[in-house]
Amino acid sequence: MPKDHLNTVFKGALILSISSLVAKILSAVYRIPLQNMVGNTGFYVYQQIYPLYGIGMTFALNGFPNFISKLVAEQPDETSKSLIARRAFHILSGLSLVVFFGLQLGATWIAAHMGDVNLAPIISAVAWMFVFMPWLATGRGYYQGKFLMGPTAVSQLIEQVVRVAIIIMAAYFSVRLGWDNYRMGTWAMSSAPLAAICSSLIFTAFGLRYLLAPAPAPAPTHPLPSYRKLTKRFVIEGGTLCLVAAVVILLQLVDSFTVMRGLVHQGQLPEVAKALKGVYDRGQPLVQLGLVVATAFSATLLPALTDALAKRQPIEFKRQTQAMVHVSLALSMAATVGLVALMPQINRLLFGSLEGTTALRIYIISILFAALITTYTSVLQSLNEYTAMIIGIIAGLATKVLANYIFVVHYGINGASAVTVLSLAVMFAVMWLGSPEDLQQVLLESGYLIKLLALSAVMGIVVILSCHQITALVGPILANTRGMAGIITVIGVLIGVLVFVAGAVYARLFTIREWLVLPYGKRLIKAVAKGKEHHS
């Protein structure tokens, strides 16, 4: 790969990574004010249908664009690139219409199986976003296939900003005008197609020229795959990418069909069950934020990983893989233990009560396994190893489908949280066991895992003891206020970071390469080096 071209790829990957990071933070953060404005039951109404939106956006943003970009990159000339994009658009249009009509015609049936027929209008509202999915996915995939990440990055940010703004406005008017929760939910989910329309405008020129205009000339230099072969590739390769990207959302979809019904079967009144499901759903934005922290910095190593593979440098590839896995695991472990230790204060600060603290503490452990799954799937995809991923995801989803309802009936929302963690653990275990031996060893080398577990345990204990000490000093009444919960949380985070960083330096948890990936890692290395010189 020429150096100039490689620089373009790296810059494009960086632009897309930054826009994805901003979009993910927006996607997680807006749900906290939403819950505060509409309450547990209003939040339940929104979260019940959110997985349908999430799956649609996974199709339009990650899964199919990544597959289409691969198709476009495979073509030898401009005419072939535009024609393959056109065929991809036709296939996706057929798929999206099937999904759209399925959701519209089956809205009442789906809502009934979720245990709440009042959700039907909200399902109908979100269905409209699938109409715009082919346009978005094809536009994004075409430009990514030409290593132009700007249009995808801009459309992604526009989509999130518009959607979040409409959702918060819907919540505001709901409170101000006294709407019921289902009317609020319908307006909030209408944000999905409206945001899709706005982000689709980025691809207007591309669509009019390549998707809707007459076929371009001259003729392609080699025959394109038939619609039949292309559809087969869409189902197998594109479907796999979508499945990988939508793992956490698919687990949430299972929750939408089982948690509310399971709570009612347990003996809860429907209104109480809805509120409890809303409490359980508090965990989702926290997990999303934890995953952003855990995977953002390790993702910066992906271009180097791809480059090492392209240049056939197995030793460098292994080093980059080890750095990715170690950084992702350490950050996800630190985020998980920190959130579990501070959960009572975080729950009070963000959501105004301590309801569901145990369930949220269990749910938060999802960050650890979800981060590992994300990292391992990135490496396995770069190696074109899909079998372990597919089997792992199917095994994890099967675990969730088979066990969730039973656990909810017996253990309530604590049971739902436990099954989510178990499902992700099964997914990762299958992927890890099915991955190449070198990739398995990355997790076990140099006593890294033992050091990390010991350090995380020490950090968790210190944070919990510090919070108890502050609570004892200020008294239980003041400690139970939202403001003091915020102060204790900030102090706990600072103590946790200091303990973890100091412990990581002392235990030599990271290599120099791994420290450099982390924020301020370079400064820390210099500070440690100066300290050693001073003492010698």
Protein backbone atom coordinates (compact mmCIF):
# COMPACT_ATOMS: atom_id res chain seq x y z
CA MET A 1 0.00 0.00 0.00
CA PRO A 2 1.57 3.38 -1.03
CA LYS A 3 2.50 5.72 1.83
CA ASP A 4 0.18 8.56 0.68
CA HIS A 5 -2.72 6.15 0.38
CA LEU A 6 -1.95 4.66 3.79
CA ASN A 7 -1.94 8.15 5.33
CA THR A 8 -5.36 8.80 3.76
CA VAL A 9 -6.68 5.55 5.27
CA PHE A 10 -5.29 6.44 8.72
CA LYS A 11 -6.72 9.98 8.60
CA GLY A 12 -10.09 8.64 7.47
CA ALA A 13 -10.12 6.05 10.25
CA LEU A 14 -9.29 8.79 12.78
CA ILE A 15 -12.10 11.07 11.53
CA LEU A 16 -14.61 8.23 11.67
CA SER A 17 -13.39 7.14 15.12
CA ILE A 18 -13.81 10.66 16.53
CA SER A 19 -17.31 11.11 15.04
CA SER A 20 -18.31 7.63 16.30
CA LEU A 21 -17.02 8.51 19.78
CA VAL A 22 -19.02 11.77 19.87
CA ALA A 23 -22.13 9.99 18.54
CA LYS A 24 -21.82 7.20 21.14
CA ILE A 25 -21.43 9.69 24.00
CA LEU A 26 -24.51 11.61 22.79
CA SER A 27 -26.44 8.35 22.45
CA ALA A 28 -25.66 7.39 26.04
CA VAL A 29 -25.89 10.76 27.79
CA TYR A 30 -29.30 11.98 26.51
CA ARG A 31 -31.10 9.09 28.24
CA ILE A 32 -30.18 10.42 31.68
CA PRO A 33 -32.14 13.72 31.33
CA LEU A 34 -34.85 11.79 29.48
CA GLN A 35 -35.36 9.47 32.47
CA ASN A 36 -35.28 12.41 34.87
CA MET A 37 -37.97 14.24 32.87
CA VAL A 38 -40.40 11.39 32.13
CA GLY A 39 -39.77 9.06 35.11
CA ASN A 40 -39.35 5.29 35.27
CA THR A 41 -42.55 4.41 33.39
CA GLY A 42 -41.90 6.96 30.62
CA PHE A 43 -38.36 5.64 30.31
CA TYR A 44 -39.73 2.09 30.08
CA VAL A 45 -42.01 3.14 27.18
CA TYR A 46 -39.04 4.59 25.25
CA GLN A 47 -36.62 1.76 26.04
CA GLN A 48 -39.07 -1.00 25.06
CA ILE A 49 -38.93 0.14 21.42
CA TYR A 50 -35.35 1.47 21.39
CA PRO A 51 -33.83 -1.89 20.31
CA LEU A 52 -35.82 -1.73 17.03
CA TYR A 53 -34.27 1.67 16.31
CA GLY A 54 -30.86 0.40 17.42
CA ILE A 55 -30.98 -2.54 15.02
CA GLY A 56 -31.99 -0.23 12.14
CA MET A 57 -29.12 2.14 12.86
CA THR A 58 -26.69 -0.77 13.13
CA PHE A 59 -27.76 -1.80 9.63
CA ALA A 60 -27.45 1.77 8.30
CA LEU A 61 -24.31 2.83 10.15
CA ASN A 62 -22.06 -0.17 10.75
CA GLY A 63 -23.02 -3.56 9.34
CA PHE A 64 -24.13 -2.92 5.75
CA PRO A 65 -21.91 0.16 5.09
CA ASN A 66 -18.85 -1.89 6.11
CA PHE A 67 -19.90 -4.70 3.78
CA ILE A 68 -20.73 -2.34 0.89
CA SER A 69 -17.39 -0.55 1.36
CA LYS A 70 -15.70 -3.94 0.90
CA LEU A 71 -17.70 -4.56 -2.30
CA VAL A 72 -16.81 -1.11 -3.66
CA ALA A 73 -13.11 -1.47 -2.77
CA GLU A 74 -13.00 -4.79 -4.66
CA GLN A 75 -14.00 -3.13 -7.97
CA PRO A 76 -11.19 -2.16 -10.41
CA ASP A 77 -12.77 0.95 -11.99
CA GLU A 78 -15.16 3.82 -11.22
CA THR A 79 -17.99 2.44 -13.36
CA SER A 80 -17.90 -0.89 -11.55
CA LYS A 81 -17.86 0.87 -8.16
CA SER A 82 -20.97 2.91 -8.99
CA LEU A 83 -22.80 -0.10 -10.50
CA ILE A 84 -22.08 -2.36 -7.51
CA ALA A 85 -23.35 0.43 -5.22
CA ARG A 86 -26.53 0.64 -7.33
CA ARG A 87 -27.12 -3.12 -7.04
CA ALA A 88 -26.48 -2.98 -3.29
CA PHE A 89 -29.07 -0.19 -3.06
CA HIS A 90 -31.66 -2.29 -4.91
CA ILE A 91 -31.09 -5.31 -2.63
CA LEU A 92 -31.25 -3.20 0.54
CA SER A 93 -34.40 -1.45 -0.72
CA GLY A 94 -36.13 -4.81 -0.99
CA LEU A 95 -34.96 -5.79 2.50
CA SER A 96 -35.98 -2.47 4.06
CA LEU A 97 -39.47 -2.60 2.54
CA VAL A 98 -40.00 -6.10 3.95
CA VAL A 99 -38.93 -4.88 7.43
CA PHE A 100 -40.99 -1.68 7.12
CA PHE A 101 -44.24 -3.45 6.16
CA GLY A 102 -43.55 -6.20 8.69
CA LEU A 103 -43.30 -3.64 11.51
CA GLN A 104 -46.29 -1.62 10.30
CA LEU A 105 -48.60 -4.61 9.83
CA GLY A 106 -47.28 -6.48 12.86
CA ALA A 107 -47.07 -3.53 15.28
CA THR A 108 -50.02 -4.65 17.42
CA TRP A 109 -48.84 -8.27 17.46
CA ILE A 110 -45.29 -7.25 18.46
CA ALA A 111 -46.61 -4.89 21.17
CA ALA A 112 -48.90 -7.63 22.55
CA HIS A 113 -45.93 -10.04 22.80
CA MET A 114 -44.00 -7.33 24.64
CA GLY A 115 -46.87 -7.35 27.14
CA ASP A 116 -48.21 -3.87 26.33
CA VAL A 117 -50.48 -3.25 23.28
CA ASN A 118 -50.24 0.52 23.85
CA LEU A 119 -46.73 0.36 22.36
CA ALA A 120 -48.10 -0.33 18.84
CA PRO A 121 -48.13 3.34 17.61
CA ILE A 122 -44.51 3.76 18.75
CA ILE A 123 -43.47 0.68 16.74
CA SER A 124 -45.24 2.13 13.69
CA ALA A 125 -43.41 5.45 14.18
CA VAL A 126 -39.92 3.90 14.35
CA ALA A 127 -40.64 1.66 11.31
CA TRP A 128 -40.35 4.65 8.96
CA MET A 129 -36.60 4.92 9.54
CA PHE A 130 -36.10 1.63 7.64
CA VAL A 131 -37.33 3.38 4.47
CA PHE A 132 -34.19 5.56 4.53
CA MET A 133 -31.80 2.77 5.56
CA PRO A 134 -30.78 1.73 1.97
CA TRP A 135 -29.93 5.32 0.99
CA LEU A 136 -27.82 5.88 4.14
CA ALA A 137 -26.08 2.48 4.11
CA THR A 138 -25.22 2.66 0.39
CA GLY A 139 -23.98 6.25 0.55
CA ARG A 140 -21.83 5.55 3.59
CA GLY A 141 -20.52 2.28 2.17
CA TYR A 142 -19.65 3.81 -1.23
CA TYR A 143 -17.55 6.62 0.25
CA GLN A 144 -15.91 4.34 2.81
CA GLY A 145 -15.01 1.97 -0.04
CA LYS A 146 -13.15 4.88 -1.65
CA PHE A 147 -11.50 5.66 1.75
CA LEU A 148 -13.48 8.92 2.11
CA MET A 149 -14.77 8.83 5.68
CA GLY A 150 -15.94 12.47 5.89
CA PRO A 151 -19.50 11.96 4.53
CA THR A 152 -20.13 9.04 6.92
CA ALA A 153 -18.76 11.01 9.88
CA VAL A 154 -20.89 14.10 9.10
CA SER A 155 -24.09 12.10 8.47
CA GLN A 156 -23.53 10.17 11.71
CA LEU A 157 -23.21 13.35 13.77
CA ILE A 158 -26.21 15.00 12.08
CA GLU A 159 -28.34 11.93 12.75
CA GLN A 160 -27.48 11.83 16.46
CA VAL A 161 -27.78 15.58 17.10
CA VAL A 162 -31.18 15.84 15.36
CA ARG A 163 -32.53 12.72 17.06
CA VAL A 164 -31.39 13.68 20.55
CA ALA A 165 -32.78 17.22 20.14
CA ILE A 166 -36.22 15.89 19.09
CA ILE A 167 -36.29 13.35 21.96
CA ILE A 168 -35.49 15.98 24.61
CA MET A 169 -38.09 18.34 23.07
CA ALA A 170 -40.69 15.54 23.15
CA ALA A 171 -39.89 14.89 26.83
CA TYR A 172 -40.10 18.62 27.62
CA PHE A 173 -43.49 19.08 25.93
CA SER A 174 -44.72 15.85 27.53
CA VAL A 175 -44.05 17.29 30.99
CA ARG A 176 -45.23 20.79 30.09
CA LEU A 177 -48.46 19.79 28.33
CA GLY A 178 -49.29 16.71 30.40
CA TRP A 179 -49.02 14.10 27.60
CA ASP A 180 -49.33 10.46 28.57
CA ASN A 181 -46.19 8.32 28.32
CA TYR A 182 -47.24 6.60 25.08
CA ARG A 183 -47.82 9.89 23.24
CA MET A 184 -44.41 11.04 24.47
CA GLY A 185 -42.89 7.75 23.28
CA THR A 186 -44.45 8.10 19.82
CA TRP A 187 -43.05 11.60 19.37
CA ALA A 188 -39.65 10.55 20.77
CA MET A 189 -39.41 7.60 18.37
CA SER A 190 -40.51 9.82 15.46
CA SER A 191 -37.04 11.31 15.91
CA ALA A 192 -35.58 8.22 14.19
CA PRO A 193 -37.07 8.76 10.68
CA LEU A 194 -36.74 12.57 10.96
CA ALA A 195 -33.04 12.25 11.86
CA ALA A 196 -32.59 9.72 9.04
CA ILE A 197 -34.06 12.22 6.55
CA CYS A 198 -31.66 14.95 7.73
CA SER A 199 -28.57 12.71 7.61
CA SER A 200 -29.65 11.34 4.19
CA LEU A 201 -29.33 14.84 2.70
CA ILE A 202 -25.52 14.44 2.84
CA PHE A 203 -25.83 11.77 0.14
CA THR A 204 -28.30 13.61 -2.15
CA ALA A 205 -25.75 14.35 -4.90
CA PHE A 206 -24.37 10.81 -4.73
CA GLY A 207 -27.84 9.25 -4.83
CA LEU A 208 -29.12 11.34 -7.72
CA ARG A 209 -25.98 10.62 -9.75
CA TYR A 210 -25.29 6.96 -8.99
CA LEU A 211 -28.48 5.37 -7.60
CA LEU A 212 -31.38 7.04 -9.44
CA ALA A 213 -29.84 8.29 -12.73
CA PRO A 214 -29.43 6.01 -15.80
CA ALA A 215 -26.55 3.51 -15.63
CA PRO A 216 -23.17 5.18 -16.21
CA ALA A 217 -20.90 4.64 -19.20
CA PRO A 218 -18.45 3.23 -20.20
CA ALA A 219 -19.25 -0.39 -19.44
CA PRO A 220 -17.38 -2.04 -16.55
CA THR A 221 -14.08 -3.76 -17.41
CA HIS A 222 -15.22 -7.08 -15.91
CA PRO A 223 -18.63 -8.66 -15.24
CA LEU A 224 -20.32 -7.79 -11.94
CA PRO A 225 -21.73 -10.52 -9.67
CA SER A 226 -25.36 -11.39 -10.37
CA TYR A 227 -28.13 -10.17 -8.07
CA ARG A 228 -28.51 -13.72 -6.81
CA LYS A 229 -24.83 -14.06 -5.82
CA LEU A 230 -24.77 -10.56 -4.40
CA THR A 231 -27.88 -11.20 -2.29
CA LYS A 232 -26.26 -14.38 -0.95
CA ARG A 233 -23.17 -12.37 0.06
CA PHE A 234 -25.41 -9.75 1.68
CA VAL A 235 -27.10 -12.39 3.79
CA ILE A 236 -23.91 -14.26 4.81
CA GLU A 237 -21.17 -11.59 4.99
CA GLY A 238 -23.30 -8.48 5.53
CA GLY A 239 -25.57 -10.32 7.95
CA THR A 240 -22.55 -11.43 10.00
CA LEU A 241 -21.22 -7.87 10.26
CA CYS A 242 -24.68 -6.64 11.33
CA LEU A 243 -24.96 -9.42 13.89
CA VAL A 244 -21.56 -8.57 15.38
CA ALA A 245 -22.36 -4.84 15.53
CA ALA A 246 -25.79 -5.39 17.14
CA VAL A 247 -24.86 -7.87 19.90
CA VAL A 248 -25.79 -5.70 22.91
CA ILE A 249 -28.91 -4.32 21.18
CA LEU A 250 -30.17 -7.83 20.42
CA LEU A 251 -29.91 -8.70 24.12
CA GLN A 252 -31.95 -5.57 24.88
CA LEU A 253 -34.56 -6.72 22.34
CA VAL A 254 -34.91 -10.01 24.25
CA ASP A 255 -35.43 -7.93 27.41
CA SER A 256 -38.24 -6.00 25.67
CA PHE A 257 -40.13 -9.26 25.09
CA THR A 258 -39.43 -10.96 28.42
CA VAL A 259 -38.78 -8.61 31.37
CA MET A 260 -42.17 -6.85 31.56
CA ARG A 261 -44.09 -10.12 31.01
CA GLY A 262 -41.88 -11.98 33.50
CA LEU A 263 -42.45 -9.36 36.20
CA VAL A 264 -46.23 -9.56 35.70
CA HIS A 265 -46.05 -13.36 35.90
CA GLN A 266 -44.04 -12.95 39.11
CA GLY A 267 -47.07 -11.19 40.60
CA GLN A 268 -46.30 -7.52 40.02
CA LEU A 269 -49.10 -5.21 38.91
CA PRO A 270 -48.63 -4.04 35.26
CA GLU A 271 -47.91 -0.43 36.29
CA VAL A 272 -45.36 -1.58 38.87
CA ALA A 273 -43.77 -3.92 36.30
CA LYS A 274 -43.42 -1.03 33.82
CA ALA A 275 -41.72 1.15 36.43
CA LEU A 276 -39.35 -1.71 37.41
CA LYS A 277 -38.44 -2.26 33.75
CA GLY A 278 -37.68 1.48 33.56
CA VAL A 279 -35.38 1.12 36.59
CA TYR A 280 -33.64 -1.86 34.97
CA ASP A 281 -33.13 0.16 31.77
CA ARG A 282 -31.05 2.70 33.71
CA GLY A 283 -28.16 0.32 33.22
CA GLN A 284 -28.06 0.73 29.43
CA PRO A 285 -26.66 4.29 29.23
CA LEU A 286 -24.14 3.43 31.96
CA VAL A 287 -22.94 0.38 30.02
CA GLN A 288 -22.75 2.45 26.82
CA LEU A 289 -20.60 5.10 28.51
CA GLY A 290 -18.39 2.40 30.03
CA LEU A 291 -17.90 0.81 26.61
CA VAL A 292 -16.99 4.17 25.05
CA VAL A 293 -14.20 4.54 27.62
CA ALA A 294 -13.11 0.90 27.32
CA THR A 295 -12.95 0.69 23.53
CA ALA A 296 -12.15 4.24 22.35
CA PHE A 297 -8.41 4.13 22.97
CA SER A 298 -7.84 0.54 21.88
CA ALA A 299 -9.63 1.41 18.60
CA THR A 300 -6.77 3.82 17.78
CA LEU A 301 -4.58 0.72 17.23
CA LEU A 302 -6.84 -0.71 14.49
CA PRO A 303 -5.13 1.03 11.53
CA ALA A 304 -1.71 -0.17 12.75
CA LEU A 305 -3.14 -3.68 13.11
CA THR A 306 -4.47 -3.57 9.52
CA ASP A 307 -1.15 -2.22 8.25
CA ALA A 308 0.86 -5.00 9.98
CA LEU A 309 -1.45 -7.60 8.43
CA ALA A 310 -1.20 -6.04 4.96
CA LYS A 311 2.61 -6.01 5.17
CA ARG A 312 2.66 -9.61 6.44
CA GLN A 313 4.45 -8.78 9.68
CA PRO A 314 3.17 -11.47 12.11
CA ILE A 315 5.31 -10.32 15.09
CA GLU A 316 4.13 -6.71 14.75
CA PHE A 317 0.55 -7.91 14.30
CA LYS A 318 0.80 -9.92 17.53
CA ARG A 319 2.25 -6.92 19.41
CA GLN A 320 -0.54 -4.63 18.20
CA THR A 321 -3.15 -7.26 19.06
CA GLN A 322 -1.70 -7.68 22.55
CA ALA A 323 -1.75 -3.92 23.07
CA MET A 324 -5.40 -3.72 21.92
CA VAL A 325 -6.54 -6.56 24.17
CA HIS A 326 -4.57 -5.37 27.22
CA VAL A 327 -5.72 -1.74 26.98
CA SER A 328 -9.35 -2.69 26.32
CA LEU A 329 -9.42 -5.24 29.16
CA ALA A 330 -7.73 -2.90 31.67
CA LEU A 331 -10.02 0.05 30.90
CA SER A 332 -13.16 -2.10 30.91
CA MET A 333 -12.13 -3.76 34.20
CA ALA A 334 -11.38 -0.38 35.79
CA ALA A 335 -14.68 1.08 34.53
CA THR A 336 -16.63 -1.97 35.72
CA VAL A 337 -15.13 -2.13 39.22
CA GLY A 338 -15.35 1.66 39.63
CA LEU A 339 -19.02 1.80 38.61
CA VAL A 340 -19.93 -1.18 40.80
CA ALA A 341 -18.17 0.42 43.80
CA LEU A 342 -19.83 3.82 43.23
CA MET A 343 -23.23 2.58 42.05
CA PRO A 344 -25.34 3.78 45.01
CA GLN A 345 -23.97 7.32 44.59
CA ILE A 346 -24.18 7.23 40.76
CA ASN A 347 -27.77 5.95 40.90
CA ARG A 348 -28.75 8.74 43.30
CA LEU A 349 -26.86 11.40 41.32
CA LEU A 350 -28.09 10.52 37.81
CA PHE A 351 -31.56 9.09 38.45
CA GLY A 352 -32.58 10.59 41.80
CA SER A 353 -33.10 7.33 43.75
CA LEU A 354 -31.42 4.12 44.91
CA GLU A 355 -33.97 1.83 43.22
CA GLY A 356 -32.43 -1.15 41.45
CA THR A 357 -28.88 -0.56 42.72
CA THR A 358 -28.19 -4.32 42.99
CA ALA A 359 -29.56 -4.99 39.50
CA LEU A 360 -27.47 -2.15 38.08
CA ARG A 361 -24.32 -3.41 39.84
CA ILE A 362 -24.82 -6.81 38.18
CA TYR A 363 -25.70 -5.25 34.79
CA ILE A 364 -22.53 -3.11 34.82
CA ILE A 365 -20.36 -6.26 34.64
CA SER A 366 -21.58 -6.41 31.02
CA ILE A 367 -19.00 -3.71 30.19
CA LEU A 368 -16.14 -6.14 30.81
CA PHE A 369 -17.36 -8.86 28.46
CA ALA A 370 -18.83 -6.50 25.84
CA ALA A 371 -15.49 -4.67 25.56
CA LEU A 372 -13.61 -7.96 25.14
CA ILE A 373 -16.13 -9.11 22.50
CA THR A 374 -15.72 -5.82 20.60
CA THR A 375 -11.92 -6.09 20.67
CA TYR A 376 -11.76 -9.76 19.72
CA THR A 377 -14.27 -9.34 16.87
CA SER A 378 -12.13 -6.50 15.45
CA VAL A 379 -9.07 -8.76 15.42
CA LEU A 380 -10.98 -11.80 14.10
CA GLN A 381 -12.55 -9.72 11.31
CA SER A 382 -9.11 -8.48 10.24
CA LEU A 383 -8.07 -12.17 10.01
CA ASN A 384 -11.30 -13.06 8.13
CA GLU A 385 -12.13 -15.53 10.93
CA TYR A 386 -15.94 -15.43 11.18
CA THR A 387 -16.90 -18.91 12.40
CA ALA A 388 -16.05 -18.42 16.09
CA MET A 389 -17.82 -15.03 16.08
CA ILE A 390 -21.05 -16.38 14.60
CA ILE A 391 -21.16 -19.45 16.88
CA GLY A 392 -20.35 -17.28 19.93
CA ILE A 393 -23.09 -14.75 19.18
CA ILE A 394 -25.68 -17.46 18.51
CA ALA A 395 -24.71 -19.27 21.74
CA GLY A 396 -24.96 -16.04 23.76
CA LEU A 397 -28.31 -15.05 22.26
CA ALA A 398 -29.67 -18.56 22.83
CA THR A 399 -28.63 -18.31 26.49
CA LYS A 400 -30.50 -15.00 26.85
CA VAL A 401 -33.64 -16.23 25.05
CA LEU A 402 -33.85 -19.51 26.99
CA ALA A 403 -33.00 -18.22 30.48
CA ASN A 404 -34.22 -14.62 30.69
CA TYR A 405 -37.94 -15.12 31.30
CA ILE A 406 -37.34 -17.86 33.89
CA PHE A 407 -34.78 -15.76 35.80
CA VAL A 408 -37.05 -12.68 35.75
CA VAL A 409 -39.98 -14.69 37.16
CA HIS A 410 -37.78 -15.99 39.99
CA TYR A 411 -35.38 -13.09 40.66
CA GLY A 412 -36.95 -10.01 39.07
CA ILE A 413 -34.72 -7.43 37.40
CA ASN A 414 -31.68 -8.86 39.23
CA GLY A 415 -32.26 -12.05 37.24
CA ALA A 416 -32.45 -10.15 33.92
CA SER A 417 -29.14 -8.43 34.71
CA ALA A 418 -27.47 -11.73 35.62
CA VAL A 419 -28.61 -13.40 32.37
CA THR A 420 -27.30 -10.46 30.29
CA VAL A 421 -23.86 -10.86 31.90
CA LEU A 422 -24.00 -14.66 31.50
CA SER A 423 -24.95 -14.35 27.81
CA LEU A 424 -22.04 -12.00 27.05
CA ALA A 425 -19.67 -14.28 29.01
CA VAL A 426 -20.81 -17.25 26.91
CA MET A 427 -20.30 -15.24 23.70
CA PHE A 428 -16.79 -14.25 24.67
CA ALA A 429 -15.84 -17.73 25.91
CA VAL A 430 -16.87 -19.33 22.60
CA MET A 431 -15.04 -16.63 20.58
CA TRP A 432 -11.91 -16.97 22.70
CA LEU A 433 -11.87 -20.79 22.49
CA GLY A 434 -12.49 -20.65 18.72
CA SER A 435 -9.82 -18.03 18.01
CA PRO A 436 -6.26 -18.87 16.85
CA GLU A 437 -3.89 -20.03 19.61
CA ASP A 438 -1.78 -16.84 19.43
CA LEU A 439 -4.88 -14.74 20.07
CA GLN A 440 -5.85 -16.94 23.02
CA GLN A 441 -2.39 -16.57 24.58
CA VAL A 442 -2.53 -12.75 24.43
CA LEU A 443 -4.91 -12.80 27.39
CA LEU A 444 -2.76 -15.12 29.49
CA GLU A 445 0.80 -13.91 28.87
CA SER A 446 3.16 -12.54 31.54
CA GLY A 447 0.70 -12.92 34.42
CA TYR A 448 -1.17 -9.89 33.06
CA LEU A 449 -4.62 -11.14 34.07
CA ILE A 450 -3.58 -11.92 37.68
CA LYS A 451 -1.98 -8.48 38.08
CA LEU A 452 -5.08 -6.77 36.65
CA LEU A 453 -7.50 -8.70 38.88
CA ALA A 454 -5.45 -7.95 42.02
CA LEU A 455 -5.11 -4.26 41.13
CA SER A 456 -8.84 -3.92 40.34
CA ALA A 457 -9.78 -5.58 43.65
CA VAL A 458 -7.53 -3.18 45.59
CA MET A 459 -8.97 -0.19 43.71
CA GLY A 460 -12.57 -1.31 44.37
CA ILE A 461 -11.97 -1.85 48.10
CA VAL A 462 -10.22 1.53 48.50
CA VAL A 463 -13.05 3.35 46.67
CA ILE A 464 -15.80 1.64 48.72
CA LEU A 465 -14.01 2.34 52.03
CA SER A 466 -13.43 5.98 51.01
CA CYS A 467 -17.13 6.44 50.19
CA HIS A 468 -18.17 4.87 53.51
CA GLN A 469 -15.76 7.17 55.36
CA ILE A 470 -17.13 10.30 53.66
CA THR A 471 -20.72 9.16 54.34
CA ALA A 472 -19.88 8.64 58.02
CA LEU A 473 -18.30 12.12 58.22
CA VAL A 474 -21.20 14.05 56.64
CA GLY A 475 -23.99 11.93 58.13
CA PRO A 476 -26.59 9.72 56.42
CA ILE A 477 -29.13 12.52 55.78
CA LEU A 478 -26.71 14.81 53.90
CA ALA A 479 -25.04 11.84 52.17
CA ASN A 480 -28.45 10.84 50.77
CA THR A 481 -28.89 14.12 48.85
CA ARG A 482 -28.23 14.34 45.13
CA GLY A 483 -25.58 17.05 45.51
CA MET A 484 -23.54 15.12 48.07
CA ALA A 485 -23.87 11.95 45.94
CA GLY A 486 -22.23 13.94 43.14
CA ILE A 487 -19.38 15.10 45.39
CA ILE A 488 -18.77 11.56 46.71
CA THR A 489 -18.84 10.22 43.12
CA VAL A 490 -16.22 12.73 41.91
CA ILE A 491 -13.97 12.04 44.92
CA GLY A 492 -14.41 8.27 44.42
CA VAL A 493 -13.51 8.52 40.72
CA LEU A 494 -10.36 10.55 41.47
CA ILE A 495 -9.27 8.10 44.18
CA GLY A 496 -9.97 5.14 41.89
CA VAL A 497 -7.96 6.63 39.00
CA LEU A 498 -5.00 7.46 41.27
CA VAL A 499 -4.97 3.98 42.85
CA PHE A 500 -5.29 2.23 39.47
CA VAL A 501 -2.61 4.30 37.70
CA ALA A 502 -0.16 4.05 40.64
CA GLY A 503 -0.80 0.30 40.89
CA ALA A 504 -0.37 -0.16 37.13
CA VAL A 505 3.00 1.64 37.22
CA TYR A 506 4.19 -0.29 40.29
CA ALA A 507 3.08 -3.69 38.93
CA ARG A 508 4.35 -2.89 35.39
CA LEU A 509 0.94 -3.77 34.04
CA PHE A 510 1.50 -2.14 30.63
CA THR A 511 4.35 -2.07 28.14
CA ILE A 512 5.58 1.33 26.88
CA ARG A 513 3.61 0.76 23.65
CA GLU A 514 0.43 0.25 25.71
CA TRP A 515 1.03 3.32 27.88
CA LEU A 516 1.38 5.47 24.76
CA VAL A 517 -2.14 4.51 23.62
CA LEU A 518 -3.65 5.90 26.84
CA PRO A 519 -4.33 9.61 27.43
CA TYR A 520 -1.34 11.33 29.08
CA GLY A 521 0.55 8.03 28.85
CA LYS A 522 3.60 9.74 27.31
CA ARG A 523 3.74 12.28 30.16
CA LEU A 524 3.44 9.52 32.75
CA ILE A 525 6.34 7.57 31.20
CA LYS A 526 8.51 10.71 31.29
CA ALA A 527 7.51 11.46 34.91
CA VAL A 528 8.34 7.90 36.03
CA ALA A 529 11.68 8.03 34.18
CA LYS A 530 12.57 11.36 35.88
CA GLY A 531 11.59 9.92 39.26
CA LYS A 532 13.92 6.95 38.76
CA GLU A 533 16.78 9.29 37.77
CA HIS A 534 16.17 11.43 40.86
CA HIS A 535 16.31 8.42 43.22
CA SER A 536 19.34 6.80 41.56
